Amino acid sequence: MSDYLIRATAFEGTVRAYAIRSTETVSEACRRQDTWATASAALGRTLTISSMMGSMLKGEDKLTIKVEGDGPLGAIVADSNALGQVRGYVKNPHVDFESNDQGKLDVRQAVGTEGTVSVVKDLGLKNNFTGQVPIVSGEISEDFTYYFVSSEQVPSAVGAGVLVNPDLSIAAAGGFIIQMLPGASDETINTIEARLDEIPSISSMIQDGKRPEDVLDTLFGEDEWKMLSRSKVEFNCNCSKERIERAISGLGNDEIESMIEEDGGAEATCQFCNEQYYLDAKELEALKQ
């Protein structure tokens, strides 16, 4: 089953919801980053949430998420857009710990409990929208719940989970975002809060074959929500040799000549997908202005 995301409303339009299966997307990102188990969980949760936030955009809009805590992982960065494309990396992918008291991967220890969550939205305007909040738990989902409430003033519940196999492959990944809109009654809010307390972990639901539709059924009840759209989600990196050439060209002739004389060429690796690009001396010479 390919990854996809559902946008929906519930309870007569007073609740907005997103649900996603992101197993293949997270698998590809973690494979490219060579992440260990806890790092995979942290990166996967961030990518999953980033994908859902990307679906809130329109047209060619895009956003960048950065989770930067004081834990050994360092920064987690994810880019996404309205087309369902997402990519991401973690500064230190080889981080892993014993399971926490709940028997789950200890993402909190890896991320840290001090630091910031920032979201930069490129909406095609003169200035980008930037929101930043402090990390409140290091568990990622709780931190984005706080982000929506604090930075965007939208009461929300965010859930994202990743199950990692013993061989470090990704068994399951998925998530949801629920947002209360004006007009949501206390009864609706109480119902959703009760369901959130009862719902199994999102990653276990995905592992058991549950679809995003099934997740929303569990959260709201089968007759209480309406699908607005369904869209594909995938890992996608827009790096290319041409982009590398433009970046090197911008360094100036002296720097390019230094690359030619000292190294006989230039090599660059994309942080997001780990693709390597090589330019020989002749190619570098052609980049001089």
Protein backbone atom coordinates (compact mmCIF):
# COMPACT_ATOMS: atom_id res chain seq x y z
CA MET A 1 0.00 0.00 0.00
CA SER A 2 1.48 3.35 -1.05
CA ASP A 3 1.59 6.22 1.40
CA TYR A 4 -1.24 8.70 1.31
CA LEU A 5 -2.91 11.40 3.34
CA ILE A 6 -6.54 12.29 3.97
CA ARG A 7 -7.92 15.76 4.69
CA ALA A 8 -11.30 15.80 6.38
CA THR A 9 -13.78 17.67 8.52
CA ALA A 10 -15.80 16.22 11.37
CA PHE A 11 -18.73 17.02 13.62
CA GLU A 12 -20.54 19.19 11.07
CA GLY A 13 -17.46 21.12 10.02
CA THR A 14 -16.35 22.19 13.49
CA VAL A 15 -13.26 19.98 13.45
CA ARG A 16 -10.50 19.75 10.83
CA ALA A 17 -8.49 16.55 10.57
CA TYR A 18 -5.58 14.98 8.75
CA ALA A 19 -4.52 11.33 8.82
CA ILE A 20 -1.55 9.75 7.07
CA ARG A 21 0.20 6.49 6.34
CA SER A 22 3.88 7.37 5.89
CA THR A 23 5.69 4.02 6.18
CA GLU A 24 7.36 4.02 2.77
CA THR A 25 8.25 7.71 2.98
CA VAL A 26 9.92 7.31 6.35
CA SER A 27 11.62 4.11 5.20
CA GLU A 28 13.23 5.87 2.24
CA ALA A 29 14.39 8.82 4.32
CA CYS A 30 15.86 6.61 7.04
CA ARG A 31 17.56 4.38 4.47
CA ARG A 32 19.23 7.37 2.86
CA GLN A 33 20.24 8.81 6.24
CA ASP A 34 21.40 5.43 7.63
CA THR A 35 19.59 6.16 10.89
CA TRP A 36 19.70 3.98 13.98
CA ALA A 37 16.44 3.06 15.70
CA THR A 38 15.81 6.06 17.97
CA ALA A 39 17.01 8.49 15.32
CA SER A 40 14.62 6.81 12.86
CA ALA A 41 11.71 7.34 15.23
CA ALA A 42 12.53 11.02 15.71
CA LEU A 43 13.12 11.72 12.03
CA GLY A 44 10.07 9.68 11.03
CA ARG A 45 7.74 11.51 13.40
CA THR A 46 9.02 14.86 12.11
CA LEU A 47 8.62 13.82 8.45
CA THR A 48 5.11 12.53 9.11
CA ILE A 49 4.00 15.75 10.76
CA SER A 50 5.74 17.82 8.08
CA SER A 51 3.81 15.94 5.38
CA MET A 52 0.49 16.75 7.04
CA MET A 53 1.45 20.39 7.52
CA GLY A 54 2.48 20.55 3.87
CA SER A 55 -1.02 19.46 2.91
CA MET A 56 -2.34 22.59 4.63
CA LEU A 57 -0.56 24.68 1.97
CA LYS A 58 -1.68 25.57 -1.56
CA GLY A 59 -0.12 25.63 -5.01
CA GLU A 60 3.66 25.92 -4.92
CA ASP A 61 3.82 26.90 -1.24
CA LYS A 62 6.33 25.01 0.88
CA LEU A 63 7.57 24.87 4.45
CA THR A 64 10.63 23.92 6.43
CA ILE A 65 10.49 22.45 9.93
CA LYS A 66 13.45 22.43 12.29
CA VAL A 67 13.49 20.69 15.65
CA GLU A 68 16.65 21.65 17.49
CA GLY A 69 16.99 20.23 20.99
CA ASP A 70 19.88 19.78 23.38
CA GLY A 71 20.00 16.00 22.90
CA PRO A 72 22.62 14.05 20.94
CA LEU A 73 20.54 13.96 17.73
CA GLY A 74 21.19 17.62 17.02
CA ALA A 75 18.89 19.32 14.54
CA ILE A 76 16.10 17.50 12.69
CA VAL A 77 15.12 19.26 9.46
CA ALA A 78 12.20 18.48 7.15
CA ASP A 79 10.93 20.18 3.99
CA SER A 80 7.45 19.59 2.57
CA ASN A 81 5.03 21.11 0.09
CA ALA A 82 1.41 21.03 -1.02
CA LEU A 83 2.16 18.25 -3.53
CA GLY A 84 2.78 15.61 -0.86
CA GLN A 85 6.54 15.68 -1.30
CA VAL A 86 8.74 15.60 1.78
CA ARG A 87 12.41 15.18 2.60
CA GLY A 88 14.44 15.43 5.78
CA TYR A 89 17.60 14.69 7.67
CA VAL A 90 18.96 14.49 11.18
CA LYS A 91 22.35 15.89 12.07
CA ASN A 92 23.53 12.82 13.99
CA PRO A 93 21.78 9.73 12.55
CA HIS A 94 23.69 7.16 14.63
CA VAL A 95 21.84 7.74 17.91
CA ASP A 96 20.04 5.00 19.81
CA PHE A 97 19.02 4.27 23.41
CA GLU A 98 17.37 1.55 25.41
CA SER A 99 13.57 1.68 25.45
CA ASN A 100 11.93 4.08 27.90
CA ASP A 101 9.65 3.17 30.82
CA GLN A 102 6.73 2.64 28.41
CA GLY A 103 8.76 0.21 26.31
CA LYS A 104 9.05 2.68 23.44
CA LEU A 105 12.05 4.19 21.70
CA ASP A 106 13.36 7.02 23.86
CA VAL A 107 12.92 9.90 21.43
CA ARG A 108 12.82 12.40 24.29
CA GLN A 109 16.36 11.52 25.36
CA ALA A 110 17.59 11.68 21.78
CA VAL A 111 15.98 15.03 20.97
CA GLY A 112 16.40 16.67 24.37
CA THR A 113 13.96 18.72 26.40
CA GLU A 114 15.47 22.17 25.86
CA GLY A 115 15.52 23.90 22.50
CA THR A 116 13.15 25.12 19.81
CA VAL A 117 10.68 24.01 17.17
CA SER A 118 10.54 26.36 14.20
CA VAL A 119 8.36 26.41 11.10
CA VAL A 120 9.16 28.59 8.10
CA LYS A 121 6.43 28.85 5.45
CA ASP A 122 7.27 30.11 1.96
CA LEU A 123 3.91 31.28 0.67
CA GLY A 124 5.27 33.13 -2.34
CA LEU A 125 5.10 36.47 -0.58
CA LYS A 126 7.86 39.01 -0.01
CA ASN A 127 8.54 37.69 3.47
CA ASN A 128 8.25 34.15 4.79
CA PHE A 129 6.04 33.32 7.76
CA THR A 130 8.13 32.08 10.67
CA GLY A 131 6.82 30.58 13.89
CA GLN A 132 8.99 29.35 16.74
CA VAL A 133 8.17 27.80 20.09
CA PRO A 134 10.22 26.11 22.81
CA ILE A 135 10.41 22.33 22.96
CA VAL A 136 8.02 21.16 25.68
CA SER A 137 8.74 17.43 25.80
CA GLY A 138 11.12 16.26 23.08
CA GLU A 139 8.58 13.64 21.96
CA ILE A 140 7.87 15.59 18.73
CA SER A 141 4.07 15.12 18.67
CA GLU A 142 3.53 17.00 21.92
CA ASP A 143 5.90 19.71 20.74
CA PHE A 144 3.85 20.30 17.58
CA THR A 145 0.62 20.24 19.56
CA TYR A 146 2.11 23.13 21.52
CA TYR A 147 3.30 24.81 18.32
CA PHE A 148 -0.20 24.95 16.82
CA VAL A 149 -1.75 26.27 20.02
CA SER A 150 0.96 28.82 20.76
CA SER A 151 2.15 29.99 17.34
CA GLU A 152 -0.95 29.57 15.17
CA GLN A 153 -3.60 29.87 17.92
CA VAL A 154 -5.36 26.69 16.76
CA PRO A 155 -6.25 24.17 19.50
CA SER A 156 -4.87 20.93 18.12
CA ALA A 157 -3.92 17.36 18.90
CA VAL A 158 -0.96 15.90 17.01
CA GLY A 159 0.00 12.24 16.92
CA ALA A 160 2.86 10.63 14.99
CA GLY A 161 4.50 7.25 15.48
CA VAL A 162 7.17 5.03 13.96
CA LEU A 163 7.82 1.34 14.60
CA VAL A 164 11.36 0.16 13.83
CA ASN A 165 12.22 -3.49 13.15
CA PRO A 166 15.23 -5.18 14.81
CA ASP A 167 17.10 -4.90 11.49
CA LEU A 168 16.46 -1.11 11.59
CA SER A 169 13.98 -1.19 8.72
CA ILE A 170 10.71 0.68 9.24
CA ALA A 171 7.75 -1.53 10.17
CA ALA A 172 5.11 1.20 10.22
CA ALA A 173 4.72 4.97 10.35
CA GLY A 174 1.72 7.27 10.41
CA GLY A 175 0.05 10.14 12.16
CA PHE A 176 -2.89 12.49 12.59
CA ILE A 177 -3.61 16.14 13.31
CA ILE A 178 -6.95 17.21 14.77
CA GLN A 179 -7.82 20.91 14.96
CA MET A 180 -10.77 22.54 16.68
CA LEU A 181 -12.47 25.24 14.62
CA PRO A 182 -14.75 28.02 15.83
CA GLY A 183 -18.07 26.49 16.77
CA ALA A 184 -16.73 23.24 18.19
CA SER A 185 -18.91 22.41 21.19
CA ASP A 186 -17.72 21.30 24.59
CA GLU A 187 -19.40 17.96 23.91
CA THR A 188 -17.37 17.52 20.72
CA ILE A 189 -14.15 18.45 22.46
CA ASN A 190 -14.85 16.06 25.33
CA THR A 191 -15.69 13.25 22.91
CA ILE A 192 -12.44 13.70 20.99
CA GLU A 193 -10.38 13.93 24.17
CA ALA A 194 -11.90 10.66 25.39
CA ARG A 195 -11.16 8.96 22.06
CA LEU A 196 -7.58 10.20 22.14
CA ASP A 197 -7.15 8.63 25.58
CA GLU A 198 -8.46 5.30 24.30
CA ILE A 199 -6.96 5.05 20.82
CA PRO A 200 -4.10 2.57 20.28
CA SER A 201 -0.76 4.02 19.20
CA ILE A 202 -0.93 5.29 15.65
CA SER A 203 2.09 3.22 14.58
CA SER A 204 0.54 -0.01 15.88
CA MET A 205 -2.68 0.77 14.02
CA ILE A 206 -0.76 1.23 10.78
CA GLN A 207 1.22 -1.96 11.44
CA ASP A 208 -2.08 -3.81 11.90
CA GLY A 209 -3.14 -2.71 8.43
CA LYS A 210 -5.36 0.19 9.43
CA ARG A 211 -5.79 2.88 6.80
CA PRO A 212 -5.94 6.64 7.43
CA GLU A 213 -9.72 6.26 6.99
CA ASP A 214 -9.78 3.70 9.80
CA VAL A 215 -7.83 6.04 12.04
CA LEU A 216 -10.46 8.75 11.53
CA ASP A 217 -13.24 6.23 12.13
CA THR A 218 -11.64 5.38 15.46
CA LEU A 219 -11.18 9.01 16.42
CA PHE A 220 -14.59 10.34 15.38
CA GLY A 221 -16.93 7.47 14.58
CA GLU A 222 -17.75 6.30 11.06
CA ASP A 223 -20.62 8.72 10.46
CA GLU A 224 -19.09 11.82 12.05
CA TRP A 225 -16.49 12.82 9.46
CA LYS A 226 -16.35 13.76 5.79
CA MET A 227 -13.39 13.33 3.44
CA LEU A 228 -12.28 16.47 1.62
CA SER A 229 -9.38 14.99 -0.33
CA ARG A 230 -6.96 12.11 -0.57
CA SER A 231 -3.42 12.67 -1.83
CA LYS A 232 -0.22 10.75 -2.37
CA VAL A 233 2.74 11.25 -0.02
CA GLU A 234 6.31 10.44 -0.98
CA PHE A 235 9.94 11.13 -0.20
CA ASN A 236 11.23 13.52 -2.83
CA CYS A 237 14.44 15.52 -3.00
CA ASN A 238 14.85 18.31 -5.53
CA CYS A 239 18.64 18.33 -5.50
CA SER A 240 20.43 18.06 -8.85
CA LYS A 241 23.81 18.54 -10.46
CA GLU A 242 22.55 21.79 -11.96
CA ARG A 243 21.77 23.16 -8.50
CA ILE A 244 25.27 22.23 -7.35
CA GLU A 245 26.74 23.95 -10.39
CA ARG A 246 24.79 27.13 -9.66
CA ALA A 247 25.95 27.09 -6.05
CA ILE A 248 29.61 26.63 -7.03
CA SER A 249 29.33 29.30 -9.72
CA GLY A 250 28.20 31.73 -7.07
CA LEU A 251 31.41 31.21 -5.10
CA GLY A 252 33.41 33.23 -7.61
CA ASN A 253 36.29 32.52 -9.97
CA ASP A 254 39.03 32.54 -7.32
CA GLU A 255 37.33 29.84 -5.26
CA ILE A 256 36.63 27.75 -8.36
CA GLU A 257 40.25 28.03 -9.47
CA SER A 258 41.34 26.91 -6.02
CA MET A 259 39.14 23.78 -6.34
CA ILE A 260 40.74 23.00 -9.69
CA GLU A 261 44.32 23.50 -8.51
CA GLU A 262 44.02 21.78 -5.14
CA ASP A 263 41.56 18.96 -5.83
CA GLY A 264 41.25 18.69 -9.58
CA GLY A 265 37.47 18.82 -9.18
CA ALA A 266 34.67 19.21 -6.66
CA GLU A 267 32.42 16.79 -4.81
CA ALA A 268 29.18 17.65 -3.03
CA THR A 269 26.73 15.53 -1.05
CA CYS A 270 23.09 16.49 -0.50
CA GLN A 271 22.23 16.57 3.20
CA PHE A 272 18.69 15.39 2.56
CA CYS A 273 19.15 12.39 0.27
CA ASN A 274 22.90 11.72 0.44
CA GLU A 275 23.22 11.77 -3.35
CA GLN A 276 26.79 12.62 -4.36
CA TYR A 277 27.70 14.89 -7.25
CA TYR A 278 31.14 15.24 -8.82
CA LEU A 279 32.42 17.94 -11.14
CA ASP A 280 35.78 17.49 -12.86
CA ALA A 281 38.24 20.27 -13.68
CA LYS A 282 36.76 20.87 -17.11
CA GLU A 283 33.26 21.25 -15.71
CA LEU A 284 34.50 23.63 -13.02
CA GLU A 285 36.33 25.72 -15.62
CA ALA A 286 33.09 26.16 -17.52
CA LEU A 287 31.44 27.63 -14.41
CA LYS A 288 33.77 30.63 -14.28
CA GLN A 289 32.10 33.94 -14.99
